[in-house]
Amino acid sequence: MSKILAIVSEYNPFHNGHLYHLQKSKKLLNPDYSICIMSGNFCERGEASIIDKWSKTEIALKCGFDLVIELPVVYSISSAENFAEGSLKLLDAFDNVTLSFGSECGSLNTLDSIANVLYDEPNEFKTILAHELSKGISYPKARENALLIYLNDVRKYSNVLSNPNNILGIEYLKAIKRLKSKVIPFTIKRIDEGYNSLKIKDRLASGTAIRELIRNNKDVKKLMPSPSYNILLKNINNEQIINHISVFEKEIIYTLRKMSIQEIANLQDVTEGLENAIKQAADSCNNLEDLIDSIKTKRYTRSRIQRILLYSILNITKKDIQNSYKAKPYIRVLGVSRNGKLLLSRISDNKSKNPVITSVKKFMDNNSNKILKNMLEKDILASNIYTLGYKYESRANLDYTKKLIVC
């Protein structure tokens, strides 16, 4: 049976650390195929992708992947829990898959011990969590505090729970348990990325740092593999990059002003009367930073607020997210290598698993599953909104007209 390496990523943008992760995973696992589950035009934490999903697909293929699959936007901009679960549901369509993810701690056992607590939810842990939430702090911080108290080993776990890639790794492990998935988890320790926006060491920097450098017109060539840099530069020269979600601030504020308080309340992640604060802020603010600052509290993080703002322009409601938990999502193929064509033909022939999309029009015309069609409509809308941020050639319906990328 063929061995498959899977990596889930946003590639925002694809940098040297990503290439190291892919190449190290291939060296250690020796797979027959490498597949990428990739966020599209919008990413977790309520961010926009700096370049479009087709550009990212071409980069991923040129850097060594055989198959690039889009993570539907209802998962890609959701919480880490739903992001991870959506990714695992896609990977379960394949056999003999090892999911390789980067983590700051590099210890699968350590991450799994935390995942077990979150999956089992012992009564003692739930009691501690409720007490922490009563302090008015955000859910992620309350959960971190509760885990440290319950596990009773601050020295061992404090650094683990304060790092974002560890947290996402824990969510992958939780999802594997919850879905009873056959996917095999594997983690690679991330290289120390000692950097700041003025001084980059060892040609490594995070996507956040690279986006900041680009915003400040700094050269990032040494921080990215040549295919990634060349495609990024092409997009920059064509003025088709999205450097920040604030590009869409007028669309966001307009949408929120048009919505009723009840419609805002129906958006995912809006709880405890937050809709009133959002409506008041939208009616009085004229830019994104003022809007976020007017809504933000100790309980509601900036990431959560940015996700809600994206939910508003994409009309992603609580019901949409509930449906995503129940759905067996489609496999939207964005690109394939010559080696990956055989793998694509195998999953396309397997009718008992997730439906495979290589043509959006055919799927929308022929599929009767309302939940999946609604999910795909959100992906199409995400692309249509994304291109509004372009200075030139802001075209709609690219999901219908863009061809499968073959490298």
Protein backbone atom coordinates (compact mmCIF):
# COMPACT_ATOMS: atom_id res chain seq x y z
CA MET A 1 0.00 0.00 0.00
CA SER A 2 1.33 3.46 -0.91
CA LYS A 3 2.51 5.66 1.95
CA ILE A 4 1.14 9.18 2.05
CA LEU A 5 2.64 12.17 3.83
CA ALA A 6 0.13 14.90 4.67
CA ILE A 7 0.82 18.44 5.84
CA VAL A 8 -1.84 20.99 6.76
CA SER A 9 -0.81 24.60 6.33
CA GLU A 10 -1.81 28.13 5.44
CA TYR A 11 1.43 28.97 3.57
CA ASN A 12 0.94 32.64 4.21
CA PRO A 13 3.46 32.81 2.55
CA PHE A 14 5.48 29.62 1.93
CA HIS A 15 8.89 30.27 3.56
CA ASN A 16 12.13 28.44 4.34
CA GLY A 17 10.70 26.96 7.53
CA HIS A 18 7.89 25.36 5.53
CA LEU A 19 10.38 23.92 3.06
CA TYR A 20 12.46 22.51 5.93
CA HIS A 21 9.34 20.88 7.40
CA LEU A 22 8.38 19.28 4.08
CA GLN A 23 11.86 18.05 3.24
CA LYS A 24 12.53 16.77 6.78
CA SER A 25 9.19 14.93 6.79
CA LYS A 26 9.99 13.30 3.44
CA LYS A 27 13.42 12.25 4.65
CA LEU A 28 12.10 10.68 7.85
CA LEU A 29 8.91 9.11 6.47
CA ASN A 30 9.93 8.26 2.88
CA PRO A 31 6.40 8.59 1.44
CA ASP A 32 5.21 7.65 -2.02
CA TYR A 33 3.03 10.76 -2.19
CA SER A 34 2.91 14.10 -0.39
CA ILE A 35 -0.39 15.94 -0.07
CA CYS A 36 -1.09 19.42 1.24
CA ILE A 37 -4.35 20.44 2.90
CA MET A 38 -4.19 24.21 2.46
CA SER A 39 -6.22 27.21 3.58
CA GLY A 40 -7.53 29.19 0.65
CA ASN A 41 -7.82 32.96 0.42
CA PHE A 42 -8.61 33.48 4.10
CA CYS A 43 -6.84 31.89 7.06
CA GLU A 44 -7.20 31.05 10.71
CA ARG A 45 -7.08 33.95 13.20
CA GLY A 46 -9.19 35.99 10.79
CA GLU A 47 -6.37 36.86 8.42
CA ALA A 48 -6.34 37.24 4.64
CA SER A 49 -3.81 35.24 2.66
CA ILE A 50 -1.13 37.53 1.22
CA ILE A 51 -1.48 35.83 -2.19
CA ASP A 52 -4.37 33.91 -3.71
CA LYS A 53 -4.92 30.18 -3.31
CA TRP A 54 -3.92 29.32 -6.90
CA SER A 55 -0.58 31.09 -6.52
CA LYS A 56 -0.02 29.22 -3.25
CA THR A 57 -0.93 25.96 -4.97
CA GLU A 58 1.66 26.48 -7.70
CA ILE A 59 4.29 27.21 -5.05
CA ALA A 60 3.41 24.09 -3.04
CA LEU A 61 3.67 21.87 -6.12
CA LYS A 62 6.96 23.37 -7.23
CA CYS A 63 8.36 22.90 -3.72
CA GLY A 64 7.57 19.17 -3.63
CA PHE A 65 3.88 18.36 -3.01
CA ASP A 66 1.97 15.98 -5.27
CA LEU A 67 -1.57 17.07 -4.46
CA VAL A 68 -2.96 20.34 -3.09
CA ILE A 69 -6.45 20.29 -1.57
CA GLU A 70 -8.28 23.39 -0.37
CA LEU A 71 -9.52 23.38 3.20
CA PRO A 72 -13.06 24.82 2.91
CA VAL A 73 -13.33 28.33 4.30
CA VAL A 74 -15.84 27.29 6.97
CA TYR A 75 -12.93 25.33 8.50
CA SER A 76 -9.97 27.50 7.48
CA ILE A 77 -11.07 30.64 9.32
CA SER A 78 -12.64 28.78 12.22
CA SER A 79 -11.25 27.99 15.66
CA ALA A 80 -8.21 25.69 15.94
CA GLU A 81 -10.57 22.87 16.94
CA ASN A 82 -12.73 23.10 13.81
CA PHE A 83 -9.70 23.84 11.62
CA ALA A 84 -8.11 20.59 12.79
CA GLU A 85 -11.29 18.52 12.55
CA GLY A 86 -12.00 19.69 9.01
CA SER A 87 -8.46 18.80 7.98
CA LEU A 88 -8.68 15.31 9.50
CA LYS A 89 -12.00 14.64 7.77
CA LEU A 90 -10.30 15.31 4.44
CA LEU A 91 -7.32 13.12 5.29
CA ASP A 92 -9.61 10.24 6.25
CA ALA A 93 -10.51 9.95 2.57
CA PHE A 94 -7.03 8.52 2.03
CA ASP A 95 -5.41 5.31 3.27
CA ASN A 96 -2.09 4.92 5.06
CA VAL A 97 -1.67 8.63 5.86
CA THR A 98 0.85 10.16 8.26
CA LEU A 99 0.09 13.73 9.27
CA SER A 100 3.29 15.65 9.95
CA PHE A 101 2.93 18.90 11.87
CA GLY A 102 5.43 21.30 13.32
CA SER A 103 5.51 21.95 17.04
CA GLU A 104 7.64 24.04 19.34
CA CYS A 105 8.11 21.21 21.86
CA GLY A 106 8.74 18.42 19.33
CA SER A 107 7.29 15.76 21.68
CA LEU A 108 4.27 13.79 20.51
CA ASN A 109 3.87 12.19 23.95
CA THR A 110 3.70 15.56 25.69
CA LEU A 111 1.12 16.90 23.26
CA ASP A 112 -0.90 13.69 23.45
CA SER A 113 -1.09 13.80 27.24
CA ILE A 114 -2.74 17.22 26.97
CA ALA A 115 -5.00 16.08 24.13
CA ASN A 116 -6.21 13.18 26.28
CA VAL A 117 -7.38 15.59 29.00
CA LEU A 118 -9.21 17.78 26.49
CA TYR A 119 -10.78 14.77 24.79
CA ASP A 120 -11.84 12.95 27.98
CA GLU A 121 -12.77 16.14 29.88
CA PRO A 122 -12.57 14.73 33.42
CA ASN A 123 -15.02 16.33 35.86
CA GLU A 124 -12.20 17.87 37.88
CA PHE A 125 -10.84 19.60 34.79
CA LYS A 126 -14.29 20.89 33.78
CA THR A 127 -14.76 22.35 37.27
CA ILE A 128 -11.41 24.13 37.12
CA LEU A 129 -12.18 25.43 33.62
CA ALA A 130 -15.54 26.83 34.73
CA HIS A 131 -13.81 28.63 37.62
CA GLU A 132 -11.23 30.16 35.27
CA LEU A 133 -13.91 31.29 32.84
CA SER A 134 -15.77 32.99 35.69
CA LYS A 135 -12.82 35.41 35.93
CA GLY A 136 -13.87 37.02 32.64
CA ILE A 137 -10.79 35.99 30.67
CA SER A 138 -10.78 34.55 27.13
CA TYR A 139 -11.58 30.89 26.62
CA PRO A 140 -8.07 30.02 25.30
CA LYS A 141 -6.44 31.60 28.38
CA ALA A 142 -8.93 29.98 30.75
CA ARG A 143 -8.29 26.59 29.16
CA GLU A 144 -4.53 27.05 29.41
CA ASN A 145 -4.81 27.96 33.11
CA ALA A 146 -7.12 25.01 33.80
CA LEU A 147 -4.78 22.55 32.09
CA LEU A 148 -1.78 23.79 34.06
CA ILE A 149 -3.69 23.41 37.31
CA TYR A 150 -5.08 19.99 36.40
CA LEU A 151 -1.81 18.56 35.08
CA ASN A 152 0.00 20.00 38.11
CA ASP A 153 3.37 20.43 36.35
CA VAL A 154 3.91 24.05 35.40
CA ARG A 155 7.56 23.52 34.54
CA LYS A 156 6.76 20.82 31.99
CA TYR A 157 3.63 22.22 30.40
CA SER A 158 3.67 26.03 30.65
CA ASN A 159 5.85 26.56 27.58
CA VAL A 160 3.88 23.93 25.68
CA LEU A 161 0.52 25.63 26.17
CA SER A 162 1.73 29.12 25.31
CA ASN A 163 2.91 28.24 21.79
CA PRO A 164 0.49 28.29 18.83
CA ASN A 165 1.86 25.32 16.88
CA ASN A 166 1.76 23.13 19.98
CA ILE A 167 -1.87 24.13 20.49
CA LEU A 168 -2.80 23.29 16.91
CA GLY A 169 -0.95 19.97 17.22
CA ILE A 170 -3.02 19.16 20.30
CA GLU A 171 -6.17 19.87 18.28
CA TYR A 172 -5.03 17.47 15.53
CA LEU A 173 -4.54 14.77 18.18
CA LYS A 174 -7.96 15.51 19.67
CA ALA A 175 -9.58 15.30 16.25
CA ILE A 176 -7.90 11.94 15.56
CA LYS A 177 -9.39 10.60 18.80
CA ARG A 178 -12.83 12.11 18.27
CA LEU A 179 -13.13 10.91 14.67
CA LYS A 180 -11.49 7.56 15.45
CA SER A 181 -9.25 8.40 12.53
CA LYS A 182 -6.63 6.02 11.14
CA VAL A 183 -4.32 8.95 10.37
CA ILE A 184 -0.95 8.55 12.09
CA PRO A 185 0.31 11.71 13.82
CA PHE A 186 3.95 12.75 13.58
CA THR A 187 5.60 15.94 14.79
CA ILE A 188 8.79 17.77 13.88
CA LYS A 189 10.34 20.29 16.21
CA ARG A 190 10.34 23.77 14.73
CA ILE A 191 13.73 25.42 14.37
CA ASP A 192 14.34 28.34 16.73
CA GLU A 193 13.31 31.35 14.68
CA GLY A 194 15.16 34.08 16.56
CA TYR A 195 14.13 37.16 14.61
CA ASN A 196 12.41 40.47 14.72
CA SER A 197 11.22 42.72 11.93
CA LEU A 198 14.58 44.49 11.77
CA LYS A 199 17.03 41.62 12.19
CA ILE A 200 16.51 38.21 10.62
CA LYS A 201 18.82 35.35 11.59
CA ASP A 202 19.69 32.18 9.69
CA ARG A 203 17.33 32.97 6.82
CA LEU A 204 14.33 31.89 8.90
CA ALA A 205 11.28 33.91 9.82
CA SER A 206 7.61 33.23 10.45
CA GLY A 207 4.88 34.12 8.01
CA THR A 208 3.83 36.96 10.32
CA ALA A 209 7.33 38.48 10.23
CA ILE A 210 7.61 38.10 6.45
CA ARG A 211 4.24 39.80 5.89
CA GLU A 212 5.38 42.66 8.11
CA LEU A 213 8.62 42.98 6.14
CA ILE A 214 6.67 43.07 2.88
CA ARG A 215 4.39 45.78 4.27
CA ASN A 216 7.53 47.80 5.00
CA ASN A 217 8.95 47.19 1.49
CA LYS A 218 11.83 45.08 2.84
CA ASP A 219 13.55 42.36 0.80
CA VAL A 220 12.43 38.85 1.78
CA LYS A 221 14.24 36.90 -0.93
CA LYS A 222 16.56 35.08 1.50
CA LEU A 223 13.63 33.98 3.65
CA MET A 224 11.76 32.05 0.98
CA PRO A 225 12.45 29.24 -1.53
CA SER A 226 12.93 30.63 -5.02
CA PRO A 227 9.56 29.37 -6.43
CA SER A 228 7.75 31.04 -3.54
CA TYR A 229 9.66 34.30 -3.81
CA ASN A 230 9.32 34.50 -7.60
CA ILE A 231 5.55 33.96 -7.54
CA LEU A 232 5.15 36.38 -4.62
CA LEU A 233 7.17 39.01 -6.51
CA LYS A 234 5.01 38.54 -9.59
CA ASN A 235 1.90 39.15 -7.50
CA ILE A 236 3.48 42.21 -5.89
CA ASN A 237 4.40 43.65 -9.30
CA ASN A 238 0.83 43.05 -10.49
CA GLU A 239 -0.45 44.68 -7.28
CA GLN A 240 -2.40 41.52 -6.47
CA ILE A 241 -1.42 40.95 -2.87
CA ILE A 242 -3.51 41.40 0.27
CA ASN A 243 -1.27 42.65 3.04
CA HIS A 244 -3.85 42.90 5.80
CA ILE A 245 -7.52 42.28 6.51
CA SER A 246 -7.93 46.08 6.76
CA VAL A 247 -8.04 46.07 2.94
CA PHE A 248 -11.65 44.94 3.39
CA GLU A 249 -12.58 47.35 6.19
CA LYS A 250 -15.23 49.21 4.19
CA GLU A 251 -16.87 45.96 3.08
CA ILE A 252 -16.87 44.74 6.69
CA ILE A 253 -18.27 47.93 8.20
CA TYR A 254 -20.88 48.26 5.44
CA THR A 255 -22.01 44.65 5.97
CA LEU A 256 -22.29 45.06 9.75
CA ARG A 257 -24.20 48.32 9.41
CA LYS A 258 -26.63 46.61 7.05
CA MET A 259 -27.16 43.61 9.34
CA SER A 260 -29.68 43.55 12.15
CA ILE A 261 -28.58 42.78 15.70
CA GLN A 262 -30.21 39.35 15.40
CA GLU A 263 -28.34 38.61 12.18
CA ILE A 264 -25.06 39.50 13.90
CA ALA A 265 -26.04 37.29 16.84
CA ASN A 266 -26.45 34.38 14.41
CA LEU A 267 -22.83 34.65 13.25
CA GLN A 268 -20.42 32.01 14.51
CA ASP A 269 -18.47 32.93 17.69
CA VAL A 270 -20.90 35.72 18.66
CA THR A 271 -22.05 34.96 22.22
CA GLU A 272 -23.09 36.62 25.48
CA GLY A 273 -24.56 39.73 23.88
CA LEU A 274 -21.46 40.54 21.86
CA GLU A 275 -23.73 41.39 18.93
CA ASN A 276 -24.72 44.64 20.66
CA ALA A 277 -21.10 45.78 21.02
CA ILE A 278 -20.39 44.84 17.40
CA LYS A 279 -23.42 46.73 16.09
CA GLN A 280 -22.63 49.81 18.16
CA ALA A 281 -19.00 49.80 17.01
CA ALA A 282 -19.93 49.33 13.34
CA ASP A 283 -22.38 52.23 13.52
CA SER A 284 -19.76 54.58 14.95
CA CYS A 285 -16.39 53.50 13.50
CA ASN A 286 -14.90 54.24 10.10
CA ASN A 287 -11.83 51.99 10.08
CA LEU A 288 -10.92 48.47 11.12
CA GLU A 289 -8.59 49.26 14.01
CA ASP A 290 -11.15 51.48 15.73
CA LEU A 291 -13.79 48.82 15.13
CA ILE A 292 -11.71 46.05 16.71
CA ASP A 293 -10.58 48.23 19.61
CA SER A 294 -14.19 49.13 20.36
CA ILE A 295 -15.22 45.46 20.56
CA LYS A 296 -12.13 43.88 22.15
CA THR A 297 -12.19 42.88 25.82
CA LYS A 298 -10.23 40.49 28.03
CA ARG A 299 -12.70 37.75 27.13
CA TYR A 300 -12.70 38.32 23.37
CA THR A 301 -9.30 38.12 21.69
CA ARG A 302 -8.36 40.03 18.56
CA SER A 303 -8.23 36.76 16.59
CA ARG A 304 -11.77 35.88 17.60
CA ILE A 305 -13.05 39.32 16.64
CA GLN A 306 -11.29 39.19 13.27
CA ARG A 307 -12.86 35.78 12.62
CA ILE A 308 -16.28 37.23 13.38
CA LEU A 309 -15.64 40.11 10.97
CA LEU A 310 -14.82 37.61 8.22
CA TYR A 311 -17.88 35.55 9.14
CA SER A 312 -19.97 38.68 8.57
CA ILE A 313 -18.84 39.33 4.97
CA LEU A 314 -18.94 35.60 4.17
CA ASN A 315 -22.28 35.14 5.96
CA ILE A 316 -21.01 32.16 7.97
CA THR A 317 -23.51 31.47 10.71
CA LYS A 318 -23.63 29.19 13.72
CA LYS A 319 -25.78 26.83 11.66
CA ASP A 320 -23.13 26.69 8.93
CA ILE A 321 -20.49 25.66 11.46
CA GLN A 322 -22.81 23.10 13.04
CA ASN A 323 -23.41 21.63 9.59
CA SER A 324 -19.66 21.52 8.97
CA TYR A 325 -19.23 19.33 12.03
CA LYS A 326 -21.75 16.85 10.61
CA ALA A 327 -20.54 16.96 7.00
CA LYS A 328 -18.12 14.70 5.18
CA PRO A 329 -16.45 17.53 3.25
CA TYR A 330 -15.61 17.48 -0.43
CA ILE A 331 -12.04 17.21 -1.67
CA ARG A 332 -11.53 20.39 -3.72
CA VAL A 333 -8.38 19.73 -5.73
CA LEU A 334 -6.49 22.90 -6.64
CA GLY A 335 -3.40 21.31 -8.15
CA VAL A 336 -1.55 18.09 -8.84
CA SER A 337 1.94 16.99 -9.83
CA ARG A 338 2.66 14.38 -12.49
CA ASN A 339 3.33 11.90 -9.68
CA GLY A 340 0.11 12.89 -7.94
CA LYS A 341 -2.14 12.18 -10.94
CA LEU A 342 -2.30 8.50 -10.02
CA LEU A 343 -3.30 9.33 -6.45
CA LEU A 344 -5.98 11.70 -7.74
CA SER A 345 -7.42 9.00 -10.00
CA ARG A 346 -7.58 6.60 -7.05
CA ILE A 347 -9.57 8.91 -4.80
CA SER A 348 -11.79 10.01 -7.70
CA ASP A 349 -12.74 6.37 -8.30
CA ASN A 350 -13.58 5.78 -4.62
CA LYS A 351 -17.27 6.66 -4.56
CA SER A 352 -17.82 5.70 -0.90
CA LYS A 353 -15.74 8.54 0.51
CA ASN A 354 -15.61 12.31 0.19
CA PRO A 355 -16.75 13.66 -3.20
CA VAL A 356 -13.84 14.95 -5.31
CA ILE A 357 -14.12 18.34 -7.04
CA THR A 358 -11.94 19.22 -10.00
CA SER A 359 -14.69 21.26 -11.69
CA VAL A 360 -16.78 23.60 -9.53
CA LYS A 361 -19.42 23.97 -12.23
CA LYS A 362 -19.96 20.23 -12.57
CA PHE A 363 -20.25 19.82 -8.81
CA MET A 364 -22.72 22.69 -8.41
CA ASP A 365 -24.81 21.43 -11.35
CA ASN A 366 -24.86 17.75 -10.41
CA ASN A 367 -24.57 17.42 -6.63
CA SER A 368 -27.74 17.41 -4.55
CA ASN A 369 -26.11 17.69 -1.10
CA LYS A 370 -27.32 21.07 0.16
CA ILE A 371 -24.78 21.30 2.99
CA LEU A 372 -21.82 20.67 0.69
CA LYS A 373 -23.15 23.06 -1.96
CA ASN A 374 -23.55 25.73 0.70
CA MET A 375 -19.97 25.12 1.88
CA LEU A 376 -18.67 25.47 -1.67
CA GLU A 377 -20.72 28.64 -2.17
CA LYS A 378 -18.83 30.13 0.79
CA ASP A 379 -15.51 29.24 -0.89
CA ILE A 380 -16.68 30.91 -4.10
CA LEU A 381 -17.81 34.00 -2.19
CA ALA A 382 -14.47 34.10 -0.36
CA SER A 383 -12.64 34.26 -3.71
CA ASN A 384 -15.01 36.93 -5.03
CA ILE A 385 -14.49 39.11 -1.96
CA TYR A 386 -10.75 38.47 -1.87
CA THR A 387 -10.17 39.91 -5.34
CA LEU A 388 -11.90 43.15 -4.29
CA GLY A 389 -8.61 43.88 -2.54
CA TYR A 390 -6.70 43.93 -5.83
CA LYS A 391 -5.78 47.23 -7.41
CA TYR A 392 -6.19 45.74 -10.89
CA GLU A 393 -8.10 42.84 -12.48
CA SER A 394 -10.51 42.34 -9.62
CA ARG A 395 -12.44 39.52 -11.25
CA ALA A 396 -15.23 37.42 -9.80
CA ASN A 397 -16.05 33.72 -10.32
CA LEU A 398 -12.42 32.61 -10.57
CA ASP A 399 -13.42 29.30 -8.96
CA TYR A 400 -15.33 28.57 -12.17
CA THR A 401 -12.70 29.77 -14.63
CA LYS A 402 -9.34 28.83 -13.06
CA LYS A 403 -8.04 25.50 -14.35
CA LEU A 404 -6.52 22.72 -12.26
CA ILE A 405 -2.85 23.56 -11.79
CA VAL A 406 -0.52 20.80 -13.03
CA CYS A 407 3.23 20.98 -12.33
